[in-house]
Amino acid sequence: GRAMEYRMNESTIATGDVPPGCAWFQRDGFKDYYALPIYHRGEFKGAMAWCTKSDSGWNDKHIQAFEQSLAALSTVLRLHTNDLVRELLTSRLEGEVKKQTTELAASNANLEKANQMIIEQSQAQLRHFAMMSHEIRTPLNCIVGMSNLLLQSKDLEQDLKEPMEMITASGDLLVAVVDDVLDYSKLAAGKMETNLDWCHLRRTVETVTIAIQSKAQKLDVKLCSHFSSDLPVKLLTDSRRLQQILYNLLGNAIKFGRHGKVVEFRVEPVRKSDCSQEEELEEGKTYQEKPQSMVRFSIKDYGHGIVPSEQEKIFEPFLQASTNSPSDGGTGLGLAITSRLVRALGGRILVKSDFGHWCEFQVELPMDNQKEPEEDKEKLEESKEELGNSGMQRTGSLTEMPALADLDILIAEDNIVNQKVLKRALNVLGVKNVDIAENGRLAVEASERKQYDLIFMDVQMPVMDGLQATRIITQKCTGGDNARPKIVFLTAHALQEFHQKAAAVGGDGFISKPFKPDTIKEVLFGLNSIR
């Protein structure tokens, strides 16, 4: 039980109520002994005792003083114990904080190291895919180029036309697969850049609808476009990325909605309160607050639609709707790339579908509140259309086609197959004067002997690469009788860094392999100002 006070004197000795080990009391001549227990938080900690050899022993005043002394001592002991506990807890807390700080620093260091490894791996993967793309595009250039040339040939027998169309379509599909994988790798590695600038909205969008019409006609699909009269003339965005987004969505709608025979495409402004309020389709993604106005691009088809269980994951990479048939093809990366591009432009993408009846994709992009640049509204500005995936711009109209037979063109290319494909394409277009240089040094020497109107320059060549050759040619050409030729890089390199390097040394344009004869034709249209 709980220890109580204890008193030992002559009366307790007389009764024999003496605890063991207390023989000292009588031996040393003590007359009275009084002990009080010490408790701390209900736990027995010890006792405090007083002894006297006085014959009168302890009286009530003594006992009261002992109890008061014990109370004071207990207070002191309690405070001291609290100090010890506080010091112990503080020491433990400081040790724990130091330990956790050390562990956190180590974790942060490991996390930073892991992030760096991820970045390096992503960049290494991107370089790997870029190298793969380069190696794949070179033979693809022969397949795509020659098959298109054969299809355009009047001498192609009718029974060979369908097989050639199949070869051409397969080549185009393979090019799309290579582009998708490389684009997704760029996005994953953080290498996909966006260049915001004011673009003519309707003209930018109509470029896509015109390009997609041929695909719609082949599948007997009618594309119905509607542009709201309230749309701004210009939009601050990346026009090339916007075209890529719309081309992918319209292409999907035509391909997967071909059974419905109609694809509806609407472009309209919407107020912030009218914008879609659905949850974002990619977890962990948040957006900045939307501006007061948005531009909404709606693409609706009347095909099979998408089942509700798949609508939330349709933007994940390498996933395709279960309603897709094997003949539809693709990598499952198109929508993943599209959704990331939309987010990079500060917008959002949503999907709605009534399975078995229709499917609609909506892209909403911000309309910047700053004032558009001043311009003459009645003046039609010169269109800055890209030549395929070329960086070269048109400098004149199609009716101002230069005399192709009079053009002097040099092909700087080490691959024999690519030489033949390009020369054949130029010959079909009517160009007769075509020379070939197998490396950069020979290209430089050829340009010194003869003044060329145009040089198609490969980037990667033996002896001297195309970048160095271009730098030398542009430096040596001073104008007048020694006018600098137009130099268009024709390369399987698809990374933007190669385009930047080519522009830095004086390149006038870029065409990625594989190319089609129509792309070469567009480049030749741009030469009307050199003669």
Protein backbone atom coordinates (compact mmCIF):
# COMPACT_ATOMS: atom_id res chain seq x y z
CA GLY A 1 0.00 0.00 0.00
CA ARG A 2 0.89 3.65 0.21
CA ALA A 3 3.78 4.32 2.64
CA MET A 4 2.73 6.39 5.67
CA GLU A 5 4.55 8.26 8.43
CA TYR A 6 6.49 6.16 10.92
CA ARG A 7 7.51 6.81 14.52
CA MET A 8 9.83 4.80 16.71
CA ASN A 9 10.41 5.52 20.48
CA GLU A 10 10.57 3.69 23.80
CA SER A 11 6.91 2.67 23.62
CA THR A 12 7.27 1.01 20.19
CA ILE A 13 10.45 -0.73 21.39
CA ALA A 14 8.62 -1.96 24.45
CA THR A 15 5.99 -3.58 22.24
CA GLY A 16 8.68 -5.13 20.05
CA ASP A 17 7.49 -3.21 16.97
CA VAL A 18 10.99 -2.47 15.72
CA PRO A 19 11.79 -2.87 12.00
CA PRO A 20 14.75 -5.10 11.09
CA GLY A 21 18.11 -3.32 10.95
CA CYS A 22 17.18 -0.66 13.54
CA ALA A 23 19.35 -1.96 16.41
CA TRP A 24 21.35 1.23 16.08
CA PHE A 25 18.44 3.14 17.66
CA GLN A 26 18.97 1.62 21.12
CA ARG A 27 22.69 1.06 20.75
CA ASP A 28 23.42 4.73 20.07
CA GLY A 29 21.05 6.00 22.75
CA PHE A 30 18.31 7.58 20.58
CA LYS A 31 14.98 8.25 22.28
CA ASP A 32 12.66 9.24 19.44
CA TYR A 33 12.53 8.70 15.62
CA TYR A 34 10.05 10.25 13.22
CA ALA A 35 9.92 9.60 9.43
CA LEU A 36 7.73 11.01 6.64
CA PRO A 37 7.49 9.54 3.10
CA ILE A 38 8.36 11.59 -0.01
CA TYR A 39 6.06 11.23 -3.05
CA HIS A 40 6.35 12.76 -6.52
CA ARG A 41 3.38 12.51 -8.86
CA GLY A 42 1.99 9.72 -6.73
CA GLU A 43 5.18 7.66 -6.86
CA PHE A 44 7.17 6.91 -3.67
CA LYS A 45 10.63 8.42 -3.96
CA GLY A 46 12.07 8.00 -0.41
CA ALA A 47 11.63 9.35 3.13
CA MET A 48 12.81 12.10 5.44
CA ALA A 49 13.52 11.20 9.10
CA TRP A 50 14.47 12.99 12.33
CA CYS A 51 16.15 11.40 15.38
CA THR A 52 16.80 12.76 18.90
CA LYS A 53 18.53 11.53 22.09
CA SER A 54 16.47 13.92 24.19
CA ASP A 55 14.45 12.13 26.87
CA SER A 56 11.44 14.30 26.08
CA GLY A 57 11.43 13.19 22.42
CA TRP A 58 9.41 14.95 19.72
CA ASN A 59 6.32 16.95 20.55
CA ASP A 60 3.47 18.18 18.32
CA LYS A 61 5.28 21.40 17.40
CA HIS A 62 8.27 19.35 16.29
CA ILE A 63 6.03 17.15 14.17
CA GLN A 64 4.37 20.22 12.59
CA ALA A 65 7.77 21.71 11.79
CA PHE A 66 8.89 18.40 10.25
CA GLU A 67 5.82 18.31 8.02
CA GLN A 68 6.38 21.91 6.92
CA SER A 69 10.05 21.18 6.20
CA LEU A 70 9.07 18.15 4.16
CA ALA A 71 6.56 20.23 2.19
CA ALA A 72 9.23 22.84 1.44
CA LEU A 73 11.77 20.18 0.53
CA SER A 74 9.24 18.44 -1.70
CA THR A 75 8.67 21.71 -3.52
CA VAL A 76 12.41 22.17 -4.01
CA LEU A 77 12.81 18.58 -5.14
CA ARG A 78 9.87 18.91 -7.51
CA LEU A 79 11.29 22.05 -9.07
CA HIS A 80 14.70 20.46 -9.34
CA THR A 81 13.17 17.37 -10.89
CA ASN A 82 11.27 19.53 -13.35
CA ASP A 83 14.53 21.27 -14.28
CA LEU A 84 16.21 17.92 -14.80
CA VAL A 85 13.30 16.69 -16.89
CA ARG A 86 13.25 19.90 -18.90
CA GLU A 87 16.98 19.71 -19.50
CA LEU A 88 16.63 16.06 -20.45
CA LEU A 89 13.72 16.78 -22.81
CA THR A 90 15.51 19.77 -24.29
CA SER A 91 18.62 17.69 -24.82
CA ARG A 92 16.59 14.90 -26.38
CA LEU A 93 14.63 17.37 -28.51
CA GLU A 94 17.80 19.07 -29.69
CA GLY A 95 19.27 15.69 -30.48
CA GLU A 96 16.12 14.65 -32.32
CA VAL A 97 15.99 17.94 -34.25
CA LYS A 98 19.65 17.59 -35.15
CA LYS A 99 19.08 14.00 -36.18
CA GLN A 100 16.02 14.87 -38.27
CA THR A 101 17.81 17.89 -39.77
CA THR A 102 20.70 15.65 -40.75
CA GLU A 103 18.31 13.05 -42.16
CA LEU A 104 16.34 15.75 -43.98
CA ALA A 105 19.53 17.20 -45.46
CA ALA A 106 20.56 13.72 -46.53
CA SER A 107 17.09 13.08 -47.98
CA ASN A 108 17.17 16.40 -49.84
CA ALA A 109 20.62 15.60 -51.16
CA ASN A 110 19.42 12.16 -52.26
CA LEU A 111 16.29 13.71 -53.79
CA GLU A 112 18.34 16.30 -55.65
CA LYS A 113 20.67 13.58 -56.82
CA ALA A 114 17.70 11.45 -57.89
CA ASN A 115 16.13 14.42 -59.71
CA GLN A 116 19.42 15.11 -61.44
CA MET A 117 19.63 11.47 -62.44
CA ILE A 118 16.06 11.62 -63.78
CA ILE A 119 16.89 14.77 -65.75
CA GLU A 120 20.07 13.21 -67.10
CA GLN A 121 18.22 9.99 -67.94
CA SER A 122 15.44 11.95 -69.66
CA GLN A 123 17.98 13.95 -71.66
CA ALA A 124 19.92 10.80 -72.48
CA GLN A 125 16.65 9.17 -73.54
CA LEU A 126 15.83 12.20 -75.67
CA ARG A 127 19.27 12.03 -77.33
CA HIS A 128 18.75 8.30 -77.84
CA PHE A 129 15.34 8.84 -79.45
CA ALA A 130 16.77 11.69 -81.52
CA MET A 131 19.54 9.41 -82.77
CA MET A 132 17.00 6.67 -83.47
CA SER A 133 14.86 9.23 -85.26
CA HIS A 134 17.87 10.29 -87.35
CA GLU A 135 18.65 6.71 -88.32
CA ILE A 136 15.00 5.88 -89.10
CA ARG A 137 14.34 9.04 -91.08
CA THR A 138 17.19 8.40 -93.53
CA PRO A 139 15.72 5.19 -95.05
CA LEU A 140 12.22 6.62 -94.62
CA ASN A 141 13.25 9.46 -96.89
CA CYS A 142 13.67 6.98 -99.70
CA ILE A 143 10.36 5.23 -98.99
CA VAL A 144 8.29 8.39 -98.63
CA GLY A 145 10.05 10.38 -101.35
CA MET A 146 10.14 7.70 -104.03
CA SER A 147 6.60 6.43 -103.33
CA ASN A 148 5.21 9.95 -103.69
CA LEU A 149 7.17 10.49 -106.89
CA LEU A 150 5.86 7.23 -108.31
CA LEU A 151 2.28 8.11 -107.36
CA GLN A 152 2.62 11.40 -109.22
CA SER A 153 4.08 9.68 -112.27
CA LYS A 154 1.81 9.42 -115.30
CA ASP A 155 3.58 6.21 -116.28
CA LEU A 156 2.44 4.30 -113.16
CA GLU A 157 0.28 1.37 -114.19
CA GLN A 158 -3.21 1.34 -112.71
CA ASP A 159 -2.81 -2.02 -110.97
CA LEU A 160 0.27 -0.65 -109.13
CA LYS A 161 -1.45 2.50 -107.94
CA GLU A 162 -3.20 0.90 -104.95
CA PRO A 163 -0.03 -0.88 -103.67
CA MET A 164 1.90 2.39 -103.99
CA GLU A 165 -0.82 4.22 -102.07
CA MET A 166 -0.52 1.58 -99.32
CA ILE A 167 3.26 2.04 -99.23
CA THR A 168 2.86 5.83 -99.07
CA ALA A 169 0.25 5.62 -96.29
CA SER A 170 2.44 3.22 -94.30
CA GLY A 171 5.41 5.55 -94.71
CA ASP A 172 3.34 8.52 -93.53
CA LEU A 173 2.15 6.51 -90.51
CA LEU A 174 5.71 5.55 -89.62
CA VAL A 175 6.78 9.19 -89.86
CA ALA A 176 3.92 10.13 -87.51
CA VAL A 177 5.01 7.43 -85.05
CA VAL A 178 8.61 8.69 -85.08
CA ASP A 179 7.42 12.29 -84.61
CA ASP A 180 5.11 11.32 -81.73
CA VAL A 181 7.78 9.40 -79.84
CA LEU A 182 10.28 12.23 -80.29
CA ASP A 183 7.76 14.92 -79.30
CA TYR A 184 6.76 13.02 -76.16
CA SER A 185 10.41 12.50 -75.28
CA LYS A 186 10.98 16.25 -75.65
CA LEU A 187 8.04 17.00 -73.37
CA ALA A 188 9.18 14.45 -70.78
CA ALA A 189 12.69 15.93 -70.80
CA GLY A 190 11.38 19.49 -70.59
CA LYS A 191 12.86 20.35 -74.00
CA MET A 192 9.64 21.30 -75.78
CA GLU A 193 9.70 25.08 -76.18
CA THR A 194 6.82 27.45 -76.82
CA ASN A 195 7.24 30.83 -78.51
CA LEU A 196 4.39 33.20 -77.71
CA ASP A 197 3.68 35.86 -80.31
CA TRP A 198 0.71 37.62 -81.85
CA CYS A 199 -0.75 35.50 -84.65
CA HIS A 200 -3.68 36.02 -86.98
CA LEU A 201 -6.16 33.66 -85.32
CA ARG A 202 -8.46 32.75 -88.19
CA ARG A 203 -5.66 32.47 -90.72
CA THR A 204 -3.70 30.22 -88.35
CA VAL A 205 -6.69 27.94 -87.83
CA GLU A 206 -7.76 27.87 -91.48
CA THR A 207 -4.27 26.68 -92.43
CA VAL A 208 -5.06 23.54 -90.39
CA THR A 209 -8.57 23.02 -91.78
CA ILE A 210 -7.30 23.35 -95.35
CA ALA A 211 -4.51 20.85 -94.67
CA ILE A 212 -6.88 18.35 -93.06
CA GLN A 213 -9.50 18.54 -95.83
CA SER A 214 -7.72 16.01 -98.03
CA LYS A 215 -7.75 13.46 -95.21
CA ALA A 216 -11.45 14.10 -94.65
CA GLN A 217 -12.25 13.71 -98.34
CA LYS A 218 -10.43 10.37 -98.54
CA LEU A 219 -12.60 9.03 -95.70
CA ASP A 220 -15.77 10.67 -97.10
CA VAL A 221 -16.12 12.89 -94.02
CA LYS A 222 -17.54 16.41 -94.17
CA LEU A 223 -15.73 18.98 -92.03
CA CYS A 224 -18.08 21.77 -90.97
CA SER A 225 -16.24 24.80 -89.57
CA HIS A 226 -17.80 27.73 -87.75
CA PHE A 227 -15.95 30.85 -86.65
CA SER A 228 -17.71 33.22 -84.28
CA SER A 229 -17.95 36.82 -85.44
CA ASP A 230 -16.83 37.90 -81.95
CA LEU A 231 -13.39 36.34 -82.24
CA PRO A 232 -10.38 38.63 -81.89
CA VAL A 233 -8.34 39.22 -85.01
CA LYS A 234 -5.16 38.19 -83.25
CA LEU A 235 -4.27 35.88 -80.41
CA LEU A 236 -1.13 35.85 -78.28
CA THR A 237 -0.02 32.22 -78.44
CA ASP A 238 2.38 29.84 -80.16
CA SER A 239 0.78 29.47 -83.58
CA ARG A 240 2.81 26.42 -84.53
CA ARG A 241 1.85 24.56 -81.34
CA LEU A 242 -1.78 25.62 -81.75
CA GLN A 243 -1.78 24.20 -85.27
CA GLN A 244 -0.21 20.99 -83.97
CA ILE A 245 -2.95 20.68 -81.31
CA LEU A 246 -5.79 21.29 -83.75
CA TYR A 247 -4.34 19.07 -86.47
CA ASN A 248 -4.09 16.17 -84.05
CA LEU A 249 -7.61 16.60 -82.65
CA LEU A 250 -9.21 17.14 -86.07
CA GLY A 251 -7.26 14.19 -87.47
CA ASN A 252 -8.53 11.97 -84.66
CA ALA A 253 -12.09 13.18 -85.12
CA ILE A 254 -11.98 12.40 -88.85
CA LYS A 255 -10.33 9.01 -88.30
CA PHE A 256 -12.42 7.77 -85.38
CA GLY A 257 -15.64 9.58 -86.31
CA ARG A 258 -15.66 8.56 -89.96
CA HIS A 259 -18.75 6.39 -89.38
CA GLY A 260 -20.75 9.53 -88.59
CA LYS A 261 -19.62 11.23 -91.82
CA VAL A 262 -19.58 14.68 -90.18
CA VAL A 263 -17.06 16.50 -87.98
CA GLU A 264 -18.06 19.83 -86.44
CA PHE A 265 -15.37 22.39 -85.65
CA ARG A 266 -16.25 25.57 -83.77
CA VAL A 267 -14.07 28.47 -82.65
CA GLU A 268 -15.64 30.98 -80.29
CA PRO A 269 -14.79 33.28 -77.39
CA VAL A 270 -16.15 32.43 -73.94
CA ARG A 271 -16.26 34.40 -70.75
CA LYS A 272 -14.59 33.05 -67.62
CA SER A 273 -17.98 32.22 -66.08
CA ASP A 274 -18.89 30.17 -69.17
CA CYS A 275 -15.70 28.10 -69.18
CA SER A 276 -15.95 24.41 -68.39
CA GLN A 277 -15.88 23.63 -64.68
CA GLU A 278 -15.06 19.93 -64.85
CA GLU A 279 -12.13 18.58 -62.87
CA GLU A 280 -8.83 18.41 -64.68
CA LEU A 281 -8.26 15.11 -66.38
CA GLU A 282 -4.65 14.68 -65.27
CA GLU A 283 -4.11 14.23 -61.56
CA GLY A 284 -1.78 16.58 -59.78
CA LYS A 285 -2.16 19.29 -62.43
CA THR A 286 -3.26 22.77 -61.43
CA TYR A 287 -3.68 25.92 -63.42
CA GLN A 288 -3.30 29.56 -62.75
CA GLU A 289 -6.52 31.51 -62.50
CA LYS A 290 -8.05 31.95 -65.90
CA PRO A 291 -8.19 35.35 -67.53
CA GLN A 292 -11.54 37.00 -68.09
CA SER A 293 -11.87 35.60 -71.62
CA MET A 294 -10.90 32.38 -73.34
CA VAL A 295 -10.95 31.09 -76.90
CA ARG A 296 -12.65 27.72 -77.12
CA PHE A 297 -11.90 25.27 -79.94
CA SER A 298 -14.55 22.52 -80.09
CA ILE A 299 -14.12 19.41 -82.24
CA LYS A 300 -17.11 17.07 -82.29
CA ASP A 301 -17.54 13.83 -84.24
CA TYR A 302 -20.42 11.39 -84.43
CA GLY A 303 -18.51 8.13 -84.28
CA HIS A 304 -18.43 5.46 -81.58
CA GLY A 305 -17.45 7.86 -78.80
CA ILE A 306 -15.49 6.97 -75.67
CA VAL A 307 -16.80 4.86 -72.80
CA PRO A 308 -17.08 6.83 -69.49
CA SER A 309 -14.49 4.65 -67.69
CA GLU A 310 -11.84 5.60 -70.27
CA GLN A 311 -12.50 9.34 -70.49
CA GLU A 312 -10.36 10.14 -67.44
CA LYS A 313 -7.31 8.24 -68.71
CA ILE A 314 -7.53 9.01 -72.42
CA PHE A 315 -4.73 11.59 -72.06
CA GLU A 316 -2.28 9.14 -70.50
CA PRO A 317 0.64 8.07 -72.73
CA PHE A 318 0.48 4.82 -74.69
CA LEU A 319 -3.24 4.34 -73.96
CA GLN A 320 -5.92 4.16 -76.62
CA ALA A 321 -9.68 3.86 -76.37
CA SER A 322 -10.93 0.28 -76.44
CA THR A 323 -13.27 1.23 -79.29
CA ASN A 324 -10.28 1.87 -81.58
CA SER A 325 -9.81 -0.77 -84.21
CA PRO A 326 -6.35 -2.25 -84.94
CA SER A 327 -6.44 -0.60 -88.36
CA ASP A 328 -6.56 2.85 -86.77
CA GLY A 329 -2.88 2.57 -85.89
CA GLY A 330 -0.99 5.17 -83.88
CA THR A 331 1.23 5.11 -80.80
CA GLY A 332 -1.22 6.20 -78.14
CA LEU A 333 0.87 9.35 -77.66
CA GLY A 334 -1.12 11.86 -79.71
CA LEU A 335 -3.52 12.97 -76.97
CA ALA A 336 -0.80 12.84 -74.30
CA ILE A 337 1.29 15.23 -76.39
CA THR A 338 -1.73 17.40 -77.19
CA SER A 339 -2.77 17.76 -73.54
CA ARG A 340 0.76 18.74 -72.49
CA LEU A 341 1.00 21.30 -75.29
CA VAL A 342 -2.34 22.80 -74.26
CA ARG A 343 -1.10 23.14 -70.69
CA ALA A 344 2.16 24.67 -71.91
CA LEU A 345 0.07 27.37 -73.62
CA GLY A 346 -1.76 28.08 -70.34
CA GLY A 347 -4.98 26.36 -71.36
CA ARG A 348 -6.97 23.23 -70.65
CA ILE A 349 -8.40 20.34 -72.61
CA LEU A 350 -11.59 18.44 -71.83
CA VAL A 351 -13.44 15.52 -73.37
CA LYS A 352 -17.16 14.85 -73.42
CA SER A 353 -18.80 11.83 -74.96
CA ASP A 354 -22.12 10.03 -75.27
CA PHE A 355 -20.85 6.53 -75.93
CA GLY A 356 -22.20 5.14 -79.17
CA HIS A 357 -23.30 8.55 -80.45
CA TRP A 358 -20.69 11.32 -80.31
CA CYS A 359 -17.45 12.60 -78.83
CA GLU A 360 -16.33 16.20 -78.31
CA PHE A 361 -12.95 17.64 -77.35
CA GLN A 362 -12.72 21.20 -76.10
CA VAL A 363 -9.52 23.24 -75.92
CA GLU A 364 -9.66 26.55 -74.07
CA LEU A 365 -6.78 29.01 -74.44
CA PRO A 366 -6.43 32.38 -72.71
CA MET A 367 -7.02 35.62 -74.55
CA ASP A 368 -4.39 38.01 -73.22
CA ASN A 369 -5.77 41.31 -71.96
CA GLN A 370 -2.96 43.44 -73.35
CA LYS A 371 -3.64 45.53 -76.42
CA GLU A 372 -2.97 44.07 -79.84
CA PRO A 373 -0.14 45.64 -81.84
CA GLU A 374 -1.29 48.51 -84.06
CA GLU A 375 -1.80 47.64 -87.69
CA ASP A 376 -3.80 48.71 -90.68
CA LYS A 377 -6.91 46.52 -90.45
CA GLU A 378 -7.58 46.82 -94.17
CA LYS A 379 -4.08 45.80 -95.16
CA LEU A 380 -3.55 42.10 -95.68
CA GLU A 381 -0.25 41.25 -94.01
CA GLU A 382 2.06 38.83 -95.69
CA SER A 383 1.35 35.26 -94.65
CA LYS A 384 4.13 33.58 -92.72
CA GLU A 385 3.34 29.97 -93.40
CA GLU A 386 5.83 27.25 -92.67
CA LEU A 387 6.89 25.01 -95.50
CA GLY A 388 5.93 21.68 -93.99
CA ASN A 389 8.26 21.46 -91.00
CA SER A 390 10.59 23.94 -92.67
CA GLY A 391 11.78 27.16 -91.10
CA MET A 392 11.80 28.90 -94.51
CA GLN A 393 9.07 31.38 -95.35
CA ARG A 394 7.43 32.23 -98.63
CA THR A 395 8.61 35.41 -100.23
CA GLY A 396 6.10 35.52 -103.05
CA SER A 397 2.93 34.09 -104.52
CA LEU A 398 2.50 30.83 -106.35
CA THR A 399 1.97 32.68 -109.60
CA GLU A 400 5.49 34.12 -109.36
CA MET A 401 7.13 30.75 -109.81
CA PRO A 402 10.76 31.18 -110.92
CA ALA A 403 11.98 29.60 -114.14
CA LEU A 404 12.92 26.23 -112.70
CA ALA A 405 14.87 25.14 -115.73
CA ASP A 406 17.22 28.10 -115.23
CA LEU A 407 17.97 27.44 -111.57
CA ASP A 408 21.38 26.15 -110.51
CA ILE A 409 21.03 23.91 -107.46
CA LEU A 410 23.66 22.08 -105.41
CA ILE A 411 22.88 19.05 -103.27
CA ALA A 412 25.39 18.56 -100.43
CA GLU A 413 24.57 15.05 -99.20
CA ASP A 414 26.73 12.01 -98.48
CA ASN A 415 23.95 9.38 -98.67
CA ILE A 416 23.55 8.11 -102.23
CA VAL A 417 19.89 7.18 -101.74
CA ASN A 418 19.05 10.66 -100.46
CA GLN A 419 20.98 12.18 -103.37
CA LYS A 420 18.91 10.25 -105.89
CA VAL A 421 15.59 10.95 -104.15
CA LEU A 422 16.17 14.72 -104.03
CA LYS A 423 17.62 14.93 -107.54
CA ARG A 424 14.70 12.90 -108.90
CA ALA A 425 12.23 15.22 -107.14
CA LEU A 426 13.94 18.30 -108.59
CA ASN A 427 14.04 16.79 -112.09
CA VAL A 428 10.32 15.98 -111.92
CA LEU A 429 9.65 19.61 -110.97
CA GLY A 430 11.59 20.77 -114.03
CA VAL A 431 14.97 21.62 -112.51
CA LYS A 432 17.73 20.52 -114.88
CA ASN A 433 20.92 21.99 -113.43
CA VAL A 434 21.57 19.90 -110.32
CA ASP A 435 25.07 19.20 -108.98
CA ILE A 436 25.99 16.91 -106.11
CA ALA A 437 28.70 17.27 -103.46
CA GLU A 438 29.36 14.28 -101.20
CA ASN A 439 30.64 16.29 -98.23
CA GLY A 440 30.91 19.83 -96.88
CA ARG A 441 34.36 20.53 -98.27
CA LEU A 442 33.30 19.59 -101.79
CA ALA A 443 30.25 21.83 -101.36
CA VAL A 444 32.49 24.77 -100.46
CA GLU A 445 34.72 24.11 -103.47
CA ALA A 446 31.70 23.78 -105.77
CA SER A 447 30.26 27.10 -104.54
CA GLU A 448 33.61 28.77 -105.32
CA ARG A 449 33.56 27.51 -108.90
CA LYS A 450 29.90 28.24 -109.60
CA GLN A 451 27.25 30.64 -108.32
CA TYR A 452 24.26 28.59 -107.16
CA ASP A 453 20.74 29.81 -106.55
CA LEU A 454 20.04 27.22 -103.90
CA ILE A 455 22.02 24.69 -101.87
CA PHE A 456 20.34 21.80 -100.11
CA MET A 457 22.74 21.16 -97.24
CA ASP A 458 22.85 18.03 -95.10
CA VAL A 459 24.08 18.54 -91.53
CA GLN A 460 26.00 15.37 -90.81
CA MET A 461 28.60 14.60 -93.49
CA PRO A 462 32.17 13.25 -93.54
CA VAL A 463 35.28 15.43 -93.96
CA MET A 464 33.33 18.64 -93.22
CA ASP A 465 29.80 18.88 -91.83
CA GLY A 466 27.08 21.09 -93.23
CA LEU A 467 27.23 23.70 -90.47
CA GLN A 468 30.91 24.42 -91.03
CA ALA A 469 30.47 24.41 -94.81
CA THR A 470 27.59 26.89 -94.56
CA ARG A 471 29.62 29.19 -92.33
CA ILE A 472 32.48 29.25 -94.87
CA ILE A 473 30.18 29.79 -97.86
CA THR A 474 28.27 32.67 -96.22
CA GLN A 475 31.54 34.35 -95.15
CA LYS A 476 33.05 34.17 -98.63
CA CYS A 477 29.98 35.51 -100.41
CA THR A 478 30.17 39.32 -100.33
CA GLY A 479 27.34 40.20 -102.70
CA GLY A 480 27.27 41.52 -106.25
CA ASP A 481 28.71 38.95 -108.62
CA ASN A 482 29.48 36.81 -105.60
CA ALA A 483 25.92 36.77 -104.17
CA ARG A 484 25.22 34.31 -101.40
CA PRO A 485 23.05 31.34 -102.41
CA LYS A 486 19.99 30.37 -100.43
CA ILE A 487 20.92 27.48 -98.14
CA VAL A 488 18.22 25.12 -96.90
CA PHE A 489 19.20 22.40 -94.47
CA LEU A 490 17.77 19.03 -95.42
CA THR A 491 18.45 16.79 -92.46
CA ALA A 492 17.21 13.89 -90.39
CA HIS A 493 18.10 15.79 -87.21
CA ALA A 494 14.82 16.72 -85.51
CA LEU A 495 15.95 18.52 -82.35
CA GLN A 496 15.47 22.27 -82.14
CA GLU A 497 19.12 22.78 -81.20
CA PHE A 498 20.16 21.73 -84.71
CA HIS A 499 17.76 24.30 -86.20
CA GLN A 500 19.24 27.01 -83.98
CA LYS A 501 22.78 26.06 -84.95
CA ALA A 502 21.82 26.06 -88.63
CA ALA A 503 20.25 29.51 -88.37
CA ALA A 504 23.30 30.84 -86.53
CA VAL A 505 25.65 29.95 -89.40
CA GLY A 506 23.42 31.50 -92.05
CA GLY A 507 20.87 28.84 -92.97
CA ASP A 508 17.71 30.11 -94.69
CA GLY A 509 15.43 27.18 -93.88
CA PHE A 510 15.08 23.67 -92.53
CA ILE A 511 13.37 20.63 -93.95
CA SER A 512 13.31 17.44 -91.93
CA LYS A 513 13.62 14.08 -93.59
CA PRO A 514 11.63 12.34 -94.82
CA PHE A 515 10.30 14.98 -97.19
CA LYS A 516 7.72 14.89 -99.94
CA PRO A 517 8.09 16.39 -103.43
CA ASP A 518 5.48 19.03 -102.57
CA THR A 519 7.72 20.28 -99.75
CA ILE A 520 10.60 20.76 -102.20
CA LYS A 521 8.18 22.51 -104.53
CA GLU A 522 7.24 24.95 -101.78
CA VAL A 523 10.91 25.76 -101.22
CA LEU A 524 11.36 26.49 -104.92
CA PHE A 525 8.34 28.81 -104.81
CA GLY A 526 10.24 30.83 -102.25
CA LEU A 527 13.11 31.50 -104.66
CA ASN A 528 11.28 34.01 -106.85
CA SER A 529 13.13 36.91 -105.26
CA ILE A 530 16.67 35.74 -106.04
CA ARG A 531 16.59 36.11 -109.80
